[in-house]
Protein backbone atom coordinates (compact mmCIF):
# COMPACT_ATOMS: atom_id res chain seq x y z
CA MET A 1 6.13 -15.70 5.10
CA SER A 2 10.21 -16.14 3.75
CA ASP A 3 9.31 -20.26 5.47
CA ALA A 4 6.63 -20.35 3.43
CA GLY A 5 7.57 -20.17 0.00
CA PHE A 6 7.35 -16.33 0.02
CA HIS A 7 10.61 -14.09 -0.99
CA VAL A 8 10.54 -11.11 0.95
CA LEU A 9 12.16 -7.82 0.24
CA ILE A 10 12.31 -5.56 4.23
CA SER A 11 12.61 -2.12 2.74
CA GLY A 12 12.25 1.90 4.66
CA PHE A 13 11.11 2.88 1.23
CA PHE A 14 7.99 5.10 1.16
CA ARG A 15 7.73 5.93 -2.28
CA TYR A 16 5.61 1.93 -3.09
CA PHE A 17 4.98 2.86 -6.44
CA ARG A 18 8.80 2.86 -7.01
CA VAL A 19 9.46 -0.66 -5.32
CA SER A 20 6.04 -1.30 -7.27
CA GLN A 21 7.60 -0.93 -10.45
CA TYR A 22 10.94 -1.82 -9.97
CA LEU A 23 9.65 -6.05 -8.94
CA SER A 24 7.71 -6.08 -11.24
CA GLY A 25 10.30 -5.44 -13.87
CA ASN A 26 11.84 -8.58 -12.10
CA THR A 27 8.38 -10.73 -12.15
CA ARG A 28 5.79 -11.83 -13.68
CA GLU A 29 4.07 -12.94 -10.48
CA PRO A 30 1.35 -10.69 -8.60
CA LEU A 31 3.39 -8.16 -5.70
CA ALA A 32 2.08 -8.71 -2.01
CA ILE A 33 3.15 -4.63 -0.32
CA VAL A 34 2.67 -5.59 3.53
CA THR A 35 2.30 -2.50 5.32
CA GLY A 36 0.59 -0.17 8.61
CA THR A 37 -1.87 2.16 8.30
CA GLU A 38 1.52 5.00 8.58
CA GLY A 39 3.04 3.11 5.50
CA LEU A 40 -1.02 3.88 4.03
CA GLY A 41 -0.23 7.27 5.04
CA ASP A 42 3.08 7.25 2.41
CA VAL A 43 0.88 6.68 0.19
CA PHE A 44 -1.41 9.20 -0.23
CA CYS A 45 0.75 11.15 0.43
CA GLU A 46 0.87 14.05 -2.80
CA GLU A 47 4.10 15.53 -2.07
CA TYR A 48 5.50 11.78 -3.02
CA TYR A 49 4.51 11.99 -6.12
CA ASP A 50 5.54 15.74 -7.18
CA GLY A 51 7.55 15.21 -10.53
CA LEU A 52 5.24 13.16 -11.81
CA THR A 53 3.39 14.65 -14.58
CA GLY A 54 -0.11 12.82 -13.45
CA SER A 55 1.06 13.64 -10.07
CA ILE A 56 -0.77 10.74 -7.28
CA LEU A 57 -2.84 9.21 -10.31
CA GLU A 58 0.02 8.80 -12.46
CA GLY A 59 1.53 6.76 -9.28
CA LEU A 60 -0.65 5.12 -7.82
CA GLY A 61 -1.58 4.10 -11.02
CA LEU A 62 1.96 2.65 -11.40
CA MET A 63 2.13 1.03 -8.18
CA PHE A 64 -1.05 -1.25 -8.66
CA SER A 65 -0.82 -1.72 -12.51
CA HIS A 66 1.18 -4.79 -11.77
CA SER A 67 -1.18 -7.11 -10.23
CA THR A 68 -0.19 -5.59 -7.25
CA VAL A 69 -1.78 -5.22 -3.55
CA LEU A 70 -1.48 -3.62 -1.04
CA TYR A 71 -1.88 -5.18 2.49
CA VAL A 72 -2.39 -2.98 5.51
CA TYR A 73 -2.60 -3.87 9.09
CA LEU A 74 -4.86 -2.04 11.20
CA THR A 75 -3.67 -1.18 14.07
CA SER A 76 -6.33 -1.17 17.90
CA SER A 77 -6.65 2.23 17.33
CA ASP A 78 -7.85 2.41 13.29
CA THR A 79 -11.76 1.64 14.01
CA SER A 80 -13.04 3.67 11.63
CA ASN A 81 -11.98 4.91 7.65
CA GLU A 82 -12.08 8.34 10.28
CA ASP A 83 -8.60 7.16 11.79
CA LEU A 84 -7.06 6.91 8.80
CA PRO A 85 -3.82 8.91 8.06
CA VAL A 86 -6.08 9.76 4.24
CA THR A 87 -7.07 13.14 3.70
CA ASP A 88 -10.95 13.70 2.98
CA ASP A 89 -10.39 14.19 -0.89
CA LEU A 90 -8.31 11.69 -1.25
CA ARG A 91 -10.93 9.00 0.51
CA PRO A 92 -12.96 8.25 -2.92
CA LEU A 93 -10.01 7.33 -3.78
CA LEU A 94 -9.29 4.91 -0.97
CA THR A 95 -12.95 3.22 -1.27
CA TYR A 96 -12.02 2.55 -4.87
CA LEU A 97 -8.58 0.85 -4.15
CA ARG A 98 -11.16 -1.04 -1.78
CA ASP A 99 -13.36 -2.06 -3.79
CA ARG A 100 -11.56 -3.55 -6.49
CA HIS A 101 -9.39 -5.01 -3.88
CA GLN A 102 -6.34 -3.58 -5.35
CA ILE A 103 -5.70 -2.28 -1.02
CA VAL A 104 -7.08 -5.10 2.00
CA PHE A 105 -7.34 -4.39 5.58
CA ILE A 106 -6.27 -6.69 8.16
CA ASP A 107 -7.33 -6.21 11.02
CA ASP A 108 -7.43 -9.70 12.39
CA TYR A 109 -4.54 -11.05 13.50
CA ALA A 110 -2.23 -11.55 16.46
CA PRO A 111 0.49 -9.11 17.53
CA LEU A 112 3.89 -9.80 18.12
CA PRO A 113 4.96 -10.34 21.92
CA ALA A 114 6.41 -7.25 22.83
């Protein structure tokens, strides 16, 4: 991606809303966060939002408030929404964010050779 002229940050930080807040404070450009399905599970893990008054809703609001898009690479085992690491009570929120194109699933890619 950097060869294509994009700035790239590689991080193991799993509180994506904090990364989005930090980066959006330093640019006016849209942000793209790329992760796999495990990272999607982190985004929808309610305990990661402990300490926020509005819990997961506040955290997701902070994450997606600055033209941020979350791109999620699906694996071959992620054949349906039921396979995703999101609890049933949060699936309507996932659907809402997908419908608004703030979460985009990528399933047509060629994985790197092992």
